[in-house]
Amino acid sequence: MTARIYKPAKTAMQSGSANTKAWLVEFEPEEPRLVEPLMGWTSSADMRQQLRLRFESREEAVAYCERHGIAYQIFEPKPAYRRTMSYADNFAFKRRDAWTH
C-alpha cells in the first residue's frame, strides 16, 4: 500500500486558488479495476481508492503516513504562473504584434 501526498492544482474552471491550499493523501490502487460484464461499469474491490485525506500542511500528511506505517511519495507543487496584463496593454505603443479585430 503506497500513498501519494500532493497539493492539488486549480482546475481550468477556476480563476482563484480555492481548494488548492490543503495537502491530500490518496492511496495507489492495490488491484486493477475490472469491467463488469453485465452493465460494462468499471468496478474494484479496493475500498482505499475512495479515500482522500486532507491536511493543512505537508508535514502533517507525512506524520500521518509514518504514524500508520504507510509508504508514501511526495509530489511537490509546481509554482503558479500568472501572466499579469491589463486591458490597456492591448493598445500599447510598444506592442510587438499588430492589433487586429
PDB file of N, CA and C in Angstrom:
ATOM      1  N   MET A   1       0.856  -1.176   0.000  1.00  0.00           N
ATOM      2  CA  MET A   1       0.000   0.000   0.000  1.00  0.00           C
ATOM      3  C   MET A   1       0.899   1.235   0.000  1.00  0.00           C
ATOM      4  N   THR A   2       0.793   2.011  -1.057  1.00  0.00           N
ATOM      5  CA  THR A   2       1.564   3.240  -1.204  1.00  0.00           C
ATOM      6  C   THR A   2       0.608   4.413  -1.289  1.00  0.00           C
ATOM      7  N   ALA A   3       0.983   5.510  -0.682  1.00  0.00           N
ATOM      8  CA  ALA A   3       0.151   6.709  -0.704  1.00  0.00           C
ATOM      9  C   ALA A   3       0.868   7.813  -1.467  1.00  0.00           C
ATOM     10  N   ARG A   4       0.081   8.664  -2.105  1.00  0.00           N
ATOM     11  CA  ARG A   4       0.606   9.849  -2.774  1.00  0.00           C
ATOM     12  C   ARG A   4       0.245  11.060  -1.935  1.00  0.00           C
ATOM     13  N   ILE A   5       1.212  11.905  -1.661  1.00  0.00           N
ATOM     14  CA  ILE A   5       0.973  13.156  -0.944  1.00  0.00           C
ATOM     15  C   ILE A   5       1.230  14.276  -1.934  1.00  0.00           C
ATOM     16  N   TYR A   6       0.211  15.096  -2.158  1.00  0.00           N
ATOM     17  CA  TYR A   6       0.352  16.173  -3.133  1.00  0.00           C
ATOM     18  C   TYR A   6      -0.591  17.312  -2.795  1.00  0.00           C
ATOM     19  N   LYS A   7      -0.334  18.430  -3.423  1.00  0.00           N
ATOM     20  CA  LYS A   7      -1.173  19.617  -3.300  1.00  0.00           C
ATOM     21  C   LYS A   7      -1.890  19.772  -4.634  1.00  0.00           C
ATOM     22  N   PRO A   8      -3.221  19.734  -4.655  1.00  0.00           N
ATOM     23  CA  PRO A   8      -3.926  19.740  -5.936  1.00  0.00           C
ATOM     24  C   PRO A   8      -3.783  21.072  -6.669  1.00  0.00           C
ATOM     25  N   ALA A   9      -3.745  20.991  -7.978  1.00  0.00           N
ATOM     26  CA  ALA A   9      -3.694  22.187  -8.809  1.00  0.00           C
ATOM     27  C   ALA A   9      -5.110  22.713  -8.996  1.00  0.00           C
ATOM     28  N   LYS A  10      -5.223  23.970  -9.341  1.00  0.00           N
ATOM     29  CA  LYS A  10      -6.556  24.515  -9.578  1.00  0.00           C
ATOM     30  C   LYS A  10      -7.095  23.984 -10.901  1.00  0.00           C
ATOM     31  N   THR A  11      -8.396  23.865 -10.977  1.00  0.00           N
ATOM     32  CA  THR A  11      -9.000  23.365 -12.196  1.00  0.00           C
ATOM     33  C   THR A  11      -9.021  24.457 -13.253  1.00  0.00           C
ATOM     34  N   ALA A  12      -9.286  24.074 -14.467  1.00  0.00           N
ATOM     35  CA  ALA A  12      -9.329  25.044 -15.558  1.00  0.00           C
ATOM     36  C   ALA A  12     -10.517  25.992 -15.419  1.00  0.00           C
ATOM     37  N   MET A  13     -11.504  25.618 -14.654  1.00  0.00           N
ATOM     38  CA  MET A  13     -12.691  26.449 -14.494  1.00  0.00           C
ATOM     39  C   MET A  13     -12.536  27.482 -13.374  1.00  0.00           C
ATOM     40  N   GLN A  14     -11.424  27.465 -12.660  1.00  0.00           N
ATOM     41  CA  GLN A  14     -11.217  28.391 -11.564  1.00  0.00           C
ATOM     42  C   GLN A  14     -10.296  29.523 -11.977  1.00  0.00           C
ATOM     43  N   SER A  15     -10.614  30.708 -11.510  1.00  0.00           N
ATOM     44  CA  SER A  15      -9.683  31.807 -11.689  1.00  0.00           C
ATOM     45  C   SER A  15      -8.956  32.098 -10.383  1.00  0.00           C
ATOM     46  N   GLY A  16      -9.499  31.614  -9.276  1.00  0.00           N
ATOM     47  CA  GLY A  16      -8.871  31.822  -7.975  1.00  0.00           C
ATOM     48  C   GLY A  16      -8.121  30.593  -7.526  1.00  0.00           C
ATOM     49  N   SER A  17      -7.763  30.570  -6.265  1.00  0.00           N
ATOM     50  CA  SER A  17      -6.989  29.456  -5.734  1.00  0.00           C
ATOM     51  C   SER A  17      -7.775  28.646  -4.715  1.00  0.00           C
ATOM     52  N   ALA A  18      -9.079  28.516  -4.900  1.00  0.00           N
ATOM     53  CA  ALA A  18      -9.911  27.744  -3.981  1.00  0.00           C
ATOM     54  C   ALA A  18      -9.568  26.259  -4.090  1.00  0.00           C
ATOM     55  N   ASN A  19      -9.620  25.560  -2.974  1.00  0.00           N
ATOM     56  CA  ASN A  19      -9.360  24.121  -2.879  1.00  0.00           C
ATOM     57  C   ASN A  19      -7.946  23.738  -3.316  1.00  0.00           C
ATOM     58  N   THR A  20      -6.997  24.639  -3.221  1.00  0.00           N
ATOM     59  CA  THR A  20      -5.622  24.314  -3.593  1.00  0.00           C
ATOM     60  C   THR A  20      -4.658  24.521  -2.435  1.00  0.00           C
ATOM     61  N   LYS A  21      -5.156  24.825  -1.262  1.00  0.00           N
ATOM     62  CA  LYS A  21      -4.277  25.106  -0.132  1.00  0.00           C
ATOM     63  C   LYS A  21      -3.958  23.859   0.695  1.00  0.00           C
ATOM     64  N   ALA A  22      -4.854  22.887   0.726  1.00  0.00           N
ATOM     65  CA  ALA A  22      -4.659  21.692   1.547  1.00  0.00           C
ATOM     66  C   ALA A  22      -3.816  20.656   0.813  1.00  0.00           C
ATOM     67  N   TRP A  23      -3.140  19.820   1.586  1.00  0.00           N
ATOM     68  CA  TRP A  23      -2.375  18.699   1.045  1.00  0.00           C
ATOM     69  C   TRP A  23      -3.250  17.460   1.111  1.00  0.00           C
ATOM     70  N   LEU A  24      -3.221  16.637   0.083  1.00  0.00           N
ATOM     71  CA  LEU A  24      -4.050  15.446   0.017  1.00  0.00           C
ATOM     72  C   LEU A  24      -3.202  14.192   0.115  1.00  0.00           C
ATOM     73  N   VAL A  25      -3.783  13.170   0.722  1.00  0.00           N
ATOM     74  CA  VAL A  25      -3.188  11.838   0.754  1.00  0.00           C
ATOM     75  C   VAL A  25      -4.165  10.913   0.053  1.00  0.00           C
ATOM     76  N   GLU A  26      -3.720  10.311  -1.041  1.00  0.00           N
ATOM     77  CA  GLU A  26      -4.525   9.334  -1.776  1.00  0.00           C
ATOM     78  C   GLU A  26      -3.725   8.056  -1.884  1.00  0.00           C
ATOM     79  N   PHE A  27      -4.422   6.933  -1.871  1.00  0.00           N
ATOM     80  CA  PHE A  27      -3.770   5.641  -1.928  1.00  0.00           C
ATOM     81  C   PHE A  27      -3.742   5.114  -3.356  1.00  0.00           C
ATOM     82  N   GLU A  28      -2.630   4.477  -3.698  1.00  0.00           N
ATOM     83  CA  GLU A  28      -2.493   3.839  -5.002  1.00  0.00           C
ATOM     84  C   GLU A  28      -3.373   2.587  -5.018  1.00  0.00           C
ATOM     85  N   PRO A  29      -3.945   2.237  -6.166  1.00  0.00           N
ATOM     86  CA  PRO A  29      -4.776   1.029  -6.216  1.00  0.00           C
ATOM     87  C   PRO A  29      -3.934  -0.236  -6.020  1.00  0.00           C
ATOM     88  N   GLU A  30      -4.454  -1.149  -5.205  1.00  0.00           N
ATOM     89  CA  GLU A  30      -3.760  -2.414  -4.970  1.00  0.00           C
ATOM     90  C   GLU A  30      -4.150  -3.458  -6.000  1.00  0.00           C
ATOM     91  N   GLU A  31      -5.351  -3.342  -6.532  1.00  0.00           N
ATOM     92  CA  GLU A  31      -5.853  -4.282  -7.527  1.00  0.00           C
ATOM     93  C   GLU A  31      -6.259  -3.498  -8.770  1.00  0.00           C
ATOM     94  N   PRO A  32      -6.136  -4.104  -9.942  1.00  0.00           N
ATOM     95  CA  PRO A  32      -6.626  -3.401 -11.135  1.00  0.00           C
ATOM     96  C   PRO A  32      -8.154  -3.353 -11.148  1.00  0.00           C
ATOM     97  N   ARG A  33      -8.673  -2.352 -11.793  1.00  0.00           N
ATOM     98  CA  ARG A  33     -10.124  -2.251 -11.909  1.00  0.00           C
ATOM     99  C   ARG A  33     -10.637  -3.255 -12.922  1.00  0.00           C
ATOM    100  N   LEU A  34     -11.839  -3.735 -12.690  1.00  0.00           N
ATOM    101  CA  LEU A  34     -12.448  -4.737 -13.551  1.00  0.00           C
ATOM    102  C   LEU A  34     -13.687  -4.168 -14.217  1.00  0.00           C
ATOM    103  N   VAL A  35     -13.959  -4.614 -15.418  1.00  0.00           N
ATOM    104  CA  VAL A  35     -15.160  -4.203 -16.122  1.00  0.00           C
ATOM    105  C   VAL A  35     -16.230  -5.253 -15.869  1.00  0.00           C
ATOM    106  N   GLU A  36     -17.363  -4.803 -15.325  1.00  0.00           N
ATOM    107  CA  GLU A  36     -18.462  -5.717 -15.045  1.00  0.00           C
ATOM    108  C   GLU A  36     -19.079  -6.163 -16.369  1.00  0.00           C
ATOM    109  N   PRO A  37     -19.252  -7.471 -16.570  1.00  0.00           N
ATOM    110  CA  PRO A  37     -19.729  -7.934 -17.868  1.00  0.00           C
ATOM    111  C   PRO A  37     -21.175  -7.564 -18.172  1.00  0.00           C
ATOM    112  N   LEU A  38     -22.028  -7.434 -17.167  1.00  0.00           N
ATOM    113  CA  LEU A  38     -23.435  -7.178 -17.422  1.00  0.00           C
ATOM    114  C   LEU A  38     -23.696  -5.732 -17.845  1.00  0.00           C
ATOM    115  N   MET A  39     -23.218  -4.781 -17.058  1.00  0.00           N
ATOM    116  CA  MET A  39     -23.509  -3.373 -17.328  1.00  0.00           C
ATOM    117  C   MET A  39     -22.350  -2.632 -17.988  1.00  0.00           C
ATOM    118  N   GLY A  40     -21.138  -3.185 -17.913  1.00  0.00           N
ATOM    119  CA  GLY A  40     -19.992  -2.517 -18.503  1.00  0.00           C
ATOM    120  C   GLY A  40     -19.383  -1.453 -17.609  1.00  0.00           C
ATOM    121  N   TRP A  41     -19.789  -1.407 -16.338  1.00  0.00           N
ATOM    122  CA  TRP A  41     -19.241  -0.425 -15.416  1.00  0.00           C
ATOM    123  C   TRP A  41     -17.875  -0.873 -14.926  1.00  0.00           C
ATOM    124  N   THR A  42     -17.043   0.084 -14.597  1.00  0.00           N
ATOM    125  CA  THR A  42     -15.733  -0.217 -14.034  1.00  0.00           C
ATOM    126  C   THR A  42     -15.880  -0.290 -12.527  1.00  0.00           C
ATOM    127  N   SER A  43     -15.381  -1.385 -11.950  1.00  0.00           N
ATOM    128  CA  SER A  43     -15.514  -1.558 -10.502  1.00  0.00           C
ATOM    129  C   SER A  43     -14.214  -2.082  -9.924  1.00  0.00           C
ATOM    130  N   SER A  44     -14.137  -2.022  -8.598  1.00  0.00           N
ATOM    131  CA  SER A  44     -12.963  -2.505  -7.899  1.00  0.00           C
ATOM    132  C   SER A  44     -13.374  -2.917  -6.496  1.00  0.00           C
ATOM    133  N   ALA A  45     -12.669  -3.877  -5.944  1.00  0.00           N
ATOM    134  CA  ALA A  45     -12.923  -4.309  -4.575  1.00  0.00           C
ATOM    135  C   ALA A  45     -12.048  -3.540  -3.591  1.00  0.00           C
ATOM    136  N   ASP A  46     -11.171  -2.691  -4.085  1.00  0.00           N
ATOM    137  CA  ASP A  46     -10.258  -1.929  -3.247  1.00  0.00           C
ATOM    138  C   ASP A  46     -10.960  -0.666  -2.747  1.00  0.00           C
ATOM    139  N   MET A  47     -11.277  -0.636  -1.469  1.00  0.00           N
ATOM    140  CA  MET A  47     -12.011   0.495  -0.902  1.00  0.00           C
ATOM    141  C   MET A  47     -11.115   1.706  -0.620  1.00  0.00           C
ATOM    142  N   ARG A  48      -9.813   1.519  -0.598  1.00  0.00           N
ATOM    143  CA  ARG A  48      -8.916   2.642  -0.311  1.00  0.00           C
ATOM    144  C   ARG A  48      -8.832   3.618  -1.472  1.00  0.00           C
ATOM    145  N   GLN A  49      -9.266   3.210  -2.656  1.00  0.00           N
ATOM    146  CA  GLN A  49      -9.266   4.132  -3.784  1.00  0.00           C
ATOM    147  C   GLN A  49     -10.261   5.270  -3.572  1.00  0.00           C
ATOM    148  N   GLN A  50     -11.247   5.045  -2.738  1.00  0.00           N
ATOM    149  CA  GLN A  50     -12.263   6.063  -2.486  1.00  0.00           C
ATOM    150  C   GLN A  50     -11.857   7.027  -1.377  1.00  0.00           C
ATOM    151  N   LEU A  51     -10.779   6.728  -0.690  1.00  0.00           N
ATOM    152  CA  LEU A  51     -10.368   7.515   0.464  1.00  0.00           C
ATOM    153  C   LEU A  51      -9.440   8.648   0.044  1.00  0.00           C
ATOM    154  N   ARG A  52      -9.766   9.851   0.485  1.00  0.00           N
ATOM    155  CA  ARG A  52      -8.936  11.034   0.232  1.00  0.00           C
ATOM    156  C   ARG A  52      -8.867  11.831   1.535  1.00  0.00           C
ATOM    157  N   LEU A  53      -7.672  11.941   2.084  1.00  0.00           N
ATOM    158  CA  LEU A  53      -7.478  12.637   3.353  1.00  0.00           C
ATOM    159  C   LEU A  53      -6.882  14.012   3.103  1.00  0.00           C
ATOM    160  N   ARG A  54      -7.385  15.022   3.809  1.00  0.00           N
ATOM    161  CA  ARG A  54      -6.905  16.396   3.678  1.00  0.00           C
ATOM    162  C   ARG A  54      -6.131  16.794   4.924  1.00  0.00           C
ATOM    163  N   PHE A  55      -5.013  17.499   4.693  1.00  0.00           N
ATOM    164  CA  PHE A  55      -4.183  18.003   5.783  1.00  0.00           C
ATOM    165  C   PHE A  55      -3.820  19.455   5.491  1.00  0.00           C
ATOM    166  N   GLU A  56      -3.579  20.206   6.555  1.00  0.00           N
ATOM    167  CA  GLU A  56      -3.233  21.616   6.411  1.00  0.00           C
ATOM    168  C   GLU A  56      -1.824  21.820   5.878  1.00  0.00           C
ATOM    169  N   SER A  57      -0.922  20.909   6.206  1.00  0.00           N
ATOM    170  CA  SER A  57       0.464  21.060   5.762  1.00  0.00           C
ATOM    171  C   SER A  57       1.015  19.715   5.309  1.00  0.00           C
ATOM    172  N   ARG A  58       2.129  19.783   4.588  1.00  0.00           N
ATOM    173  CA  ARG A  58       2.784  18.570   4.116  1.00  0.00           C
ATOM    174  C   ARG A  58       3.328  17.768   5.286  1.00  0.00           C
ATOM    175  N   GLU A  59       3.826  18.446   6.318  1.00  0.00           N
ATOM    176  CA  GLU A  59       4.384  17.770   7.475  1.00  0.00           C
ATOM    177  C   GLU A  59       3.329  16.945   8.204  1.00  0.00           C
ATOM    178  N   GLU A  60       2.096  17.439   8.274  1.00  0.00           N
ATOM    179  CA  GLU A  60       1.023  16.684   8.912  1.00  0.00           C
ATOM    180  C   GLU A  60       0.695  15.423   8.125  1.00  0.00           C
ATOM    181  N   ALA A  61       0.690  15.526   6.810  1.00  0.00           N
ATOM    182  CA  ALA A  61       0.401  14.365   5.971  1.00  0.00           C
ATOM    183  C   ALA A  61       1.505  13.321   6.099  1.00  0.00           C
ATOM    184  N   VAL A  62       2.768  13.763   6.123  1.00  0.00           N
ATOM    185  CA  VAL A  62       3.886  12.835   6.279  1.00  0.00           C
ATOM    186  C   VAL A  62       3.836  12.174   7.654  1.00  0.00           C
ATOM    187  N   ALA A  63       3.522  12.948   8.683  1.00  0.00           N
ATOM    188  CA  ALA A  63       3.439  12.394  10.035  1.00  0.00           C
ATOM    189  C   ALA A  63       2.329  11.350  10.130  1.00  0.00           C
ATOM    190  N   TYR A  64       1.213  11.584   9.457  1.00  0.00           N
ATOM    191  CA  TYR A  64       0.116  10.609   9.461  1.00  0.00           C
ATOM    192  C   TYR A  64       0.572   9.294   8.827  1.00  0.00           C
ATOM    193  N   CYS A  65       1.234   9.388   7.667  1.00  0.00           N
ATOM    194  CA  CYS A  65       1.689   8.178   6.976  1.00  0.00           C
ATOM    195  C   CYS A  65       2.737   7.426   7.793  1.00  0.00           C
ATOM    196  N   GLU A  66       3.646   8.144   8.417  1.00  0.00           N
ATOM    197  CA  GLU A  66       4.670   7.487   9.228  1.00  0.00           C
ATOM    198  C   GLU A  66       4.085   6.871  10.490  1.00  0.00           C
ATOM    199  N   ARG A  67       3.104   7.539  11.078  1.00  0.00           N
ATOM    200  CA  ARG A  67       2.470   7.026  12.293  1.00  0.00           C
ATOM    201  C   ARG A  67       1.720   5.722  12.025  1.00  0.00           C
ATOM    202  N   HIS A  68       1.125   5.608  10.832  1.00  0.00           N
ATOM    203  CA  HIS A  68       0.354   4.406  10.490  1.00  0.00           C
ATOM    204  C   HIS A  68       1.150   3.412   9.652  1.00  0.00           C
ATOM    205  N   GLY A  69       2.427   3.664   9.422  1.00  0.00           N
ATOM    206  CA  GLY A  69       3.277   2.730   8.698  1.00  0.00           C
ATOM    207  C   GLY A  69       2.934   2.612   7.219  1.00  0.00           C
ATOM    208  N   ILE A  70       2.547   3.720   6.604  1.00  0.00           N
ATOM    209  CA  ILE A  70       2.169   3.735   5.195  1.00  0.00           C
ATOM    210  C   ILE A  70       3.338   4.288   4.385  1.00  0.00           C
ATOM    211  N   ALA A  71       3.729   3.544   3.357  1.00  0.00           N
ATOM    212  CA  ALA A  71       4.766   4.055   2.452  1.00  0.00           C
ATOM    213  C   ALA A  71       4.158   5.194   1.635  1.00  0.00           C
ATOM    214  N   TYR A  72       4.943   6.221   1.361  1.00  0.00           N
ATOM    215  CA  TYR A  72       4.387   7.390   0.674  1.00  0.00           C
ATOM    216  C   TYR A  72       5.387   7.980  -0.304  1.00  0.00           C
ATOM    217  N   GLN A  73       4.853   8.720  -1.253  1.00  0.00           N
ATOM    218  CA  GLN A  73       5.633   9.514  -2.193  1.00  0.00           C
ATOM    219  C   GLN A  73       5.112  10.936  -2.121  1.00  0.00           C
ATOM    220  N   ILE A  74       6.012  11.905  -2.127  1.00  0.00           N
ATOM    221  CA  ILE A  74       5.623  13.311  -2.066  1.00  0.00           C
ATOM    222  C   ILE A  74       5.816  13.922  -3.441  1.00  0.00           C
ATOM    223  N   PHE A  75       4.788  14.576  -3.936  1.00  0.00           N
ATOM    224  CA  PHE A  75       4.843  15.291  -5.200  1.00  0.00           C
ATOM    225  C   PHE A  75       4.746  16.780  -4.897  1.00  0.00           C
ATOM    226  N   GLU A  76       5.834  17.490  -5.127  1.00  0.00           N
ATOM    227  CA  GLU A  76       5.880  18.922  -4.843  1.00  0.00           C
ATOM    228  C   GLU A  76       5.055  19.686  -5.876  1.00  0.00           C
ATOM    229  N   PRO A  77       4.345  20.726  -5.449  1.00  0.00           N
ATOM    230  CA  PRO A  77       3.565  21.515  -6.415  1.00  0.00           C
ATOM    231  C   PRO A  77       4.467  22.391  -7.270  1.00  0.00           C
ATOM    232  N   LYS A  78       4.054  22.572  -8.495  1.00  0.00           N
ATOM    233  CA  LYS A  78       4.779  23.474  -9.379  1.00  0.00           C
ATOM    234  C   LYS A  78       4.387  24.905  -9.036  1.00  0.00           C
ATOM    235  N   PRO A  79       5.302  25.852  -9.164  1.00  0.00           N
ATOM    236  CA  PRO A  79       4.943  27.239  -8.851  1.00  0.00           C
ATOM    237  C   PRO A  79       3.886  27.748  -9.831  1.00  0.00           C
ATOM    238  N   ALA A  80       2.957  28.500  -9.299  1.00  0.00           N
ATOM    239  CA  ALA A  80       1.880  29.034 -10.130  1.00  0.00           C
ATOM    240  C   ALA A  80       2.405  30.148 -11.023  1.00  0.00           C
ATOM    241  N   TYR A  81       2.058  30.068 -12.277  1.00  0.00           N
ATOM    242  CA  TYR A  81       2.464  31.091 -13.228  1.00  0.00           C
ATOM    243  C   TYR A  81       1.236  31.899 -13.601  1.00  0.00           C
ATOM    244  N   ARG A  82       1.296  33.173 -13.349  1.00  0.00           N
ATOM    245  CA  ARG A  82       0.182  34.028 -13.683  1.00  0.00           C
ATOM    246  C   ARG A  82       0.699  35.209 -14.480  1.00  0.00           C
ATOM    247  N   ARG A  83       0.232  35.330 -15.685  1.00  0.00           N
ATOM    248  CA  ARG A  83       0.646  36.424 -16.547  1.00  0.00           C
ATOM    249  C   ARG A  83      -0.181  37.652 -16.209  1.00  0.00           C
ATOM    250  N   THR A  84       0.487  38.713 -15.833  1.00  0.00           N
ATOM    251  CA  THR A  84      -0.229  39.935 -15.489  1.00  0.00           C
ATOM    252  C   THR A  84      -0.237  40.847 -16.705  1.00  0.00           C
ATOM    253  N   MET A  85      -1.418  41.182 -17.126  1.00  0.00           N
ATOM    254  CA  MET A  85      -1.579  42.044 -18.285  1.00  0.00           C
ATOM    255  C   MET A  85      -2.876  42.822 -18.114  1.00  0.00           C
ATOM    256  N   SER A  86      -2.814  44.079 -18.382  1.00  0.00           N
ATOM    257  CA  SER A  86      -4.016  44.889 -18.265  1.00  0.00           C
ATOM    258  C   SER A  86      -4.655  45.069 -19.643  1.00  0.00           C
ATOM    259  N   TYR A  87      -5.873  45.546 -19.639  1.00  0.00           N
ATOM    260  CA  TYR A  87      -6.584  45.758 -20.894  1.00  0.00           C
ATOM    261  C   TYR A  87      -5.893  46.826 -21.737  1.00  0.00           C
ATOM    262  N   ALA A  88      -5.299  47.808 -21.097  1.00  0.00           N
ATOM    263  CA  ALA A  88      -4.617  48.883 -21.823  1.00  0.00           C
ATOM    264  C   ALA A  88      -3.393  48.369 -22.584  1.00  0.00           C
ATOM    265  N   ASP A  89      -2.828  47.240 -22.160  1.00  0.00           N
ATOM    266  CA  ASP A  89      -1.673  46.686 -22.864  1.00  0.00           C
ATOM    267  C   ASP A  89      -2.031  46.227 -24.275  1.00  0.00           C
ATOM    268  N   ASN A  90      -3.296  45.984 -24.545  1.00  0.00           N
ATOM    269  CA  ASN A  90      -3.710  45.604 -25.894  1.00  0.00           C
ATOM    270  C   ASN A  90      -3.483  46.741 -26.893  1.00  0.00           C
ATOM    271  N   PHE A  91      -3.484  47.962 -26.429  1.00  0.00           N
ATOM    272  CA  PHE A  91      -3.380  49.123 -27.302  1.00  0.00           C
ATOM    273  C   PHE A  91      -2.076  49.888 -27.103  1.00  0.00           C
ATOM    274  N   ALA A  92      -1.112  49.301 -26.416  1.00  0.00           N
ATOM    275  CA  ALA A  92       0.139  49.987 -26.104  1.00  0.00           C
ATOM    276  C   ALA A  92       0.974  50.196 -27.365  1.00  0.00           C
ATOM    277  N   PHE A  93       1.764  51.262 -27.368  1.00  0.00           N
ATOM    278  CA  PHE A  93       2.622  51.583 -28.498  1.00  0.00           C
ATOM    279  C   PHE A  93       3.747  50.555 -28.638  1.00  0.00           C
ATOM    280  N   LYS A  94       4.182  49.978 -27.514  1.00  0.00           N
ATOM    281  CA  LYS A  94       5.276  49.014 -27.518  1.00  0.00           C
ATOM    282  C   LYS A  94       4.826  47.589 -27.859  1.00  0.00           C
ATOM    283  N   ARG A  95       3.594  47.419 -28.210  1.00  0.00           N
ATOM    284  CA  ARG A  95       3.072  46.094 -28.523  1.00  0.00           C
ATOM    285  C   ARG A  95       3.820  45.487 -29.707  1.00  0.00           C
ATOM    286  N   ARG A  96       4.236  44.239 -29.596  1.00  0.00           N
ATOM    287  CA  ARG A  96       5.024  43.596 -30.640  1.00  0.00           C
ATOM    288  C   ARG A  96       4.165  43.151 -31.820  1.00  0.00           C
ATOM    289  N   ASP A  97       3.014  42.606 -31.546  1.00  0.00           N
ATOM    290  CA  ASP A  97       2.135  42.119 -32.610  1.00  0.00           C
ATOM    291  C   ASP A  97       1.184  43.220 -33.044  1.00  0.00           C
ATOM    292  N   ALA A  98       0.712  43.113 -34.268  1.00  0.00           N
ATOM    293  CA  ALA A  98      -0.280  44.060 -34.759  1.00  0.00           C
ATOM    294  C   ALA A  98      -1.619  43.762 -34.106  1.00  0.00           C
ATOM    295  N   TRP A  99      -2.320  44.804 -33.716  1.00  0.00           N
ATOM    296  CA  TRP A  99      -3.623  44.602 -33.105  1.00  0.00           C
ATOM    297  C   TRP A  99      -4.667  44.539 -34.209  1.00  0.00           C
ATOM    298  N   THR A 100      -5.413  43.458 -34.240  1.00  0.00           N
ATOM    299  CA  THR A 100      -6.486  43.314 -35.220  1.00  0.00           C
ATOM    300  C   THR A 100      -7.746  42.891 -34.514  1.00  0.00           C
ATOM    301  N   HIS A 101      -8.830  43.024 -35.208  1.00  0.00           N
ATOM    302  CA  HIS A 101     -10.117  42.605 -34.642  1.00  0.00           C
ATOM    303  C   HIS A 101     -10.325  41.149 -34.826  1.00  0.00           C
TER     304      HIS A 101
END
